PDB file of N, CA and C in Angstrom:
ATOM      1  N   UNK A   1       2.080 107.689 143.640  1.00  0.00           N
ATOM      2  CA  UNK A   1       3.094 108.231 144.387  1.00  0.00           C
ATOM      3  C   UNK A   1       4.002 109.244 143.533  1.00  0.00           C
ATOM      4  N   UNK A   2       4.473 108.695 142.292  1.00  0.00           N
ATOM      5  CA  UNK A   2       5.133 109.674 141.459  1.00  0.00           C
ATOM      6  C   UNK A   2       4.497 110.972 140.872  1.00  0.00           C
ATOM      7  N   UNK A   3       3.555 111.092 141.196  1.00  0.00           N
ATOM      8  CA  UNK A   3       2.806 112.006 140.517  1.00  0.00           C
ATOM      9  C   UNK A   3       2.756 113.247 141.704  1.00  0.00           C
ATOM     10  N   UNK A   4       2.941 112.759 142.816  1.00  0.00           N
ATOM     11  CA  UNK A   4       3.030 113.814 144.149  1.00  0.00           C
ATOM     12  C   UNK A   4       4.514 114.571 143.785  1.00  0.00           C
ATOM     13  N   UNK A   5       5.406 113.995 143.060  1.00  0.00           N
ATOM     14  CA  UNK A   5       6.762 114.597 142.948  1.00  0.00           C
ATOM     15  C   UNK A   5       6.620 115.760 142.093  1.00  0.00           C
ATOM     16  N   UNK A   6       5.516 115.636 141.196  1.00  0.00           N
ATOM     17  CA  UNK A   6       5.107 116.931 140.038  1.00  0.00           C
ATOM     18  C   UNK A   6       4.236 117.620 140.659  1.00  0.00           C
ATOM     19  N   UNK A   7       3.197 117.067 141.716  1.00  0.00           N
ATOM     20  CA  UNK A   7       2.136 117.958 142.032  1.00  0.00           C
ATOM     21  C   UNK A   7       2.426 119.055 142.861  1.00  0.00           C
ATOM     22  N   UNK A   8       3.213 118.624 143.948  1.00  0.00           N
ATOM     23  CA  UNK A   8       3.754 119.362 145.152  1.00  0.00           C
ATOM     24  C   UNK A   8       4.318 120.686 144.632  1.00  0.00           C
ATOM     25  N   UNK A   9       5.454 120.438 143.894  1.00  0.00           N
ATOM     26  CA  UNK A   9       6.190 121.793 143.337  1.00  0.00           C
ATOM     27  C   UNK A   9       4.960 122.921 142.542  1.00  0.00           C
ATOM     28  N   UNK A  10       4.183 122.192 141.710  1.00  0.00           N
ATOM     29  CA  UNK A  10       3.209 122.961 140.914  1.00  0.00           C
ATOM     30  C   UNK A  10       2.251 123.581 141.874  1.00  0.00           C
ATOM     31  N   UNK A  11       1.844 123.001 143.045  1.00  0.00           N
ATOM     32  CA  UNK A  11       0.963 123.697 143.738  1.00  0.00           C
ATOM     33  C   UNK A  11       1.694 124.578 144.642  1.00  0.00           C
ATOM     34  N   UNK A  12       3.000 124.326 145.083  1.00  0.00           N
ATOM     35  CA  UNK A  12       3.742 125.882 145.704  1.00  0.00           C
ATOM     36  C   UNK A  12       4.008 126.484 144.818  1.00  0.00           C
ATOM     37  N   UNK A  13       4.137 126.587 143.453  1.00  0.00           N
ATOM     38  CA  UNK A  13       4.354 127.588 142.546  1.00  0.00           C
ATOM     39  C   UNK A  13       3.281 128.314 142.558  1.00  0.00           C
ATOM     40  N   UNK A  14       2.172 127.693 142.199  1.00  0.00           N
ATOM     41  CA  UNK A  14       0.628 128.587 141.996  1.00  0.00           C
ATOM     42  C   UNK A  14       0.483 129.192 143.409  1.00  0.00           C
ATOM     43  N   UNK A  15       0.513 128.641 144.207  1.00  0.00           N
ATOM     44  CA  UNK A  15       0.306 129.477 145.852  1.00  0.00           C
ATOM     45  C   UNK A  15       1.104 130.681 145.821  1.00  0.00           C
ATOM     46  N   UNK A  16       2.624 130.226 145.435  1.00  0.00           N
ATOM     47  CA  UNK A  16       3.434 131.526 145.703  1.00  0.00           C
ATOM     48  C   UNK A  16       3.098 132.723 144.711  1.00  0.00           C
ATOM     49  N   UNK A  17       2.614 132.393 143.367  1.00  0.00           N
ATOM     50  CA  UNK A  17       2.154 133.303 142.452  1.00  0.00           C
ATOM     51  C   UNK A  17       1.071 133.999 142.808  1.00  0.00           C
ATOM     52  N   UNK A  18       0.042 133.424 143.517  1.00  0.00           N
ATOM     53  CA  UNK A  18      -0.932 133.790 144.126  1.00  0.00           C
ATOM     54  C   UNK A  18      -0.952 135.106 145.059  1.00  0.00           C
ATOM     55  N   UNK A  19       0.130 134.442 146.242  1.00  0.00           N
ATOM     56  CA  UNK A  19       0.512 135.518 147.228  1.00  0.00           C
ATOM     57  C   UNK A  19       1.167 136.988 146.403  1.00  0.00           C
ATOM     58  N   UNK A  20       2.247 136.692 145.412  1.00  0.00           N
ATOM     59  CA  UNK A  20       2.838 137.686 144.772  1.00  0.00           C
ATOM     60  C   UNK A  20       1.972 138.633 144.327  1.00  0.00           C
ATOM     61  N   UNK A  21       0.818 138.020 143.475  1.00  0.00           N
ATOM     62  CA  UNK A  21      -0.300 138.938 142.915  1.00  0.00           C
ATOM     63  C   UNK A  21      -1.201 139.558 144.023  1.00  0.00           C
ATOM     64  N   UNK A  22      -1.523 139.150 145.137  1.00  0.00           N
ATOM     65  CA  UNK A  22      -1.943 139.830 146.317  1.00  0.00           C
ATOM     66  C   UNK A  22      -1.383 140.815 146.633  1.00  0.00           C
ATOM     67  N   UNK A  23       0.136 140.711 147.144  1.00  0.00           N
ATOM     68  CA  UNK A  23       0.911 141.708 147.543  1.00  0.00           C
ATOM     69  C   UNK A  23       0.978 142.761 146.591  1.00  0.00           C
ATOM     70  N   UNK A  24       0.995 142.539 145.477  1.00  0.00           N
ATOM     71  CA  UNK A  24       1.274 143.701 144.108  1.00  0.00           C
ATOM     72  C   UNK A  24      -0.225 144.381 144.334  1.00  0.00           C
ATOM     73  N   UNK A  25      -1.318 143.843 144.530  1.00  0.00           N
ATOM     74  CA  UNK A  25      -2.303 144.299 144.223  1.00  0.00           C
ATOM     75  C   UNK A  25      -2.894 145.610 145.822  1.00  0.00           C
ATOM     76  N   UNK A  26      -1.920 145.186 146.979  1.00  0.00           N
ATOM     77  CA  UNK A  26      -2.121 145.760 147.807  1.00  0.00           C
ATOM     78  C   UNK A  26      -1.099 147.002 147.789  1.00  0.00           C
ATOM     79  N   UNK A  27      -0.136 146.890 147.330  1.00  0.00           N
ATOM     80  CA  UNK A  27       0.938 147.853 146.998  1.00  0.00           C
ATOM     81  C   UNK A  27       0.558 148.746 146.149  1.00  0.00           C
ATOM     82  N   UNK A  28      -0.583 148.639 145.234  1.00  0.00           N
ATOM     83  CA  UNK A  28      -1.017 149.421 144.143  1.00  0.00           C
ATOM     84  C   UNK A  28      -2.177 150.042 144.427  1.00  0.00           C
ATOM     85  N   UNK A  29      -2.876 149.853 145.577  1.00  0.00           N
ATOM     86  CA  UNK A  29      -3.972 150.585 146.146  1.00  0.00           C
ATOM     87  C   UNK A  29      -5.144 150.187 145.299  1.00  0.00           C
ATOM     88  N   UNK A  30      -5.345 148.759 145.127  1.00  0.00           N
ATOM     89  CA  UNK A  30      -6.462 147.996 144.627  1.00  0.00           C
ATOM     90  C   UNK A  30      -7.505 148.080 145.717  1.00  0.00           C
ATOM     91  N   UNK A  31      -7.151 147.889 147.007  1.00  0.00           N
ATOM     92  CA  UNK A  31      -8.305 147.999 148.025  1.00  0.00           C
ATOM     93  C   UNK A  31      -8.525 148.833 148.719  1.00  0.00           C
ATOM     94  N   UNK A  32      -7.979 150.003 148.285  1.00  0.00           N
ATOM     95  CA  UNK A  32      -8.159 151.334 149.004  1.00  0.00           C
ATOM     96  C   UNK A  32      -9.486 151.864 149.317  1.00  0.00           C
ATOM     97  N   UNK A  33     -10.246 151.612 148.069  1.00  0.00           N
ATOM     98  CA  UNK A  33     -11.829 152.319 148.091  1.00  0.00           C
ATOM     99  C   UNK A  33     -12.822 151.246 147.899  1.00  0.00           C
ATOM    100  N   UNK A  34     -13.158 150.340 148.928  1.00  0.00           N
ATOM    101  CA  UNK A  34     -14.014 149.206 148.694  1.00  0.00           C
ATOM    102  C   UNK A  34     -15.605 149.513 148.581  1.00  0.00           C
ATOM    103  N   UNK A  35     -16.002 150.740 149.327  1.00  0.00           N
ATOM    104  CA  UNK A  35     -17.543 151.080 149.199  1.00  0.00           C
ATOM    105  C   UNK A  35     -17.759 151.945 148.164  1.00  0.00           C
ATOM    106  N   UNK A  36     -16.543 152.518 147.454  1.00  0.00           N
ATOM    107  CA  UNK A  36     -16.862 153.782 146.371  1.00  0.00           C
ATOM    108  C   UNK A  36     -17.541 153.220 145.013  1.00  0.00           C
ATOM    109  N   UNK A  37     -17.222 152.313 144.626  1.00  0.00           N
ATOM    110  CA  UNK A  37     -18.151 151.874 143.648  1.00  0.00           C
ATOM    111  C   UNK A  37     -19.514 151.615 144.009  1.00  0.00           C
ATOM    112  N   UNK A  38     -19.733 150.956 145.161  1.00  0.00           N
ATOM    113  CA  UNK A  38     -21.408 150.768 145.644  1.00  0.00           C
ATOM    114  C   UNK A  38     -22.044 151.841 146.010  1.00  0.00           C
ATOM    115  N   UNK A  39     -21.114 152.943 146.422  1.00  0.00           N
ATOM    116  CA  UNK A  39     -21.810 154.299 146.587  1.00  0.00           C
ATOM    117  C   UNK A  39     -22.357 155.031 145.541  1.00  0.00           C
ATOM    118  N   UNK A  40     -21.333 155.009 144.421  1.00  0.00           N
ATOM    119  CA  UNK A  40     -21.372 155.533 142.898  1.00  0.00           C
ATOM    120  C   UNK A  40     -22.508 155.201 142.292  1.00  0.00           C
ATOM    121  N   UNK A  41     -22.841 153.845 142.444  1.00  0.00           N
ATOM    122  CA  UNK A  41     -23.922 153.638 141.551  1.00  0.00           C
ATOM    123  C   UNK A  41     -25.427 154.114 142.158  1.00  0.00           C
ATOM    124  N   UNK A  42     -25.546 154.797 143.243  1.00  0.00           N
ATOM    125  CA  UNK A  42     -26.858 155.081 143.822  1.00  0.00           C
ATOM    126  C   UNK A  42     -27.041 156.533 143.292  1.00  0.00           C
ATOM    127  N   UNK A  43     -26.117 157.201 142.809  1.00  0.00           N
ATOM    128  CA  UNK A  43     -26.245 158.654 142.392  1.00  0.00           C
ATOM    129  C   UNK A  43     -26.243 158.613 141.160  1.00  0.00           C
ATOM    130  N   UNK A  44     -27.325 159.595 140.574  1.00  0.00           N
ATOM    131  CA  UNK A  44     -27.541 159.689 139.198  1.00  0.00           C
ATOM    132  C   UNK A  44     -26.976 161.212 138.971  1.00  0.00           C
ATOM    133  N   UNK A  45     -25.598 161.408 138.406  1.00  0.00           N
ATOM    134  CA  UNK A  45     -24.956 162.667 137.947  1.00  0.00           C
ATOM    135  C   UNK A  45     -25.453 163.324 136.597  1.00  0.00           C
ATOM    136  N   UNK A  46     -25.973 162.529 135.689  1.00  0.00           N
ATOM    137  CA  UNK A  46     -26.143 162.857 134.373  1.00  0.00           C
ATOM    138  C   UNK A  46     -27.443 163.854 134.544  1.00  0.00           C
ATOM    139  N   UNK A  47     -27.407 165.045 133.516  1.00  0.00           N
ATOM    140  CA  UNK A  47     -28.311 165.674 133.806  1.00  0.00           C
ATOM    141  C   UNK A  47     -29.023 166.080 132.360  1.00  0.00           C
ATOM    142  N   UNK A  48     -30.508 165.365 132.329  1.00  0.00           N
ATOM    143  CA  UNK A  48     -31.143 165.495 131.049  1.00  0.00           C
ATOM    144  C   UNK A  48     -31.848 166.566 130.790  1.00  0.00           C
TER     145      UNK A  48
END
């Protein structure tokens, strides 16, 4: 039972850190173009 005193705050801190990182990624536009890389790989732009 004594371990819960340490594990619950650590779990809450890690969850809060993940939430902050996700919100930061949303605000910086990390999820704006989800299909861009998938479509870019199909086209060969190099001229040999």
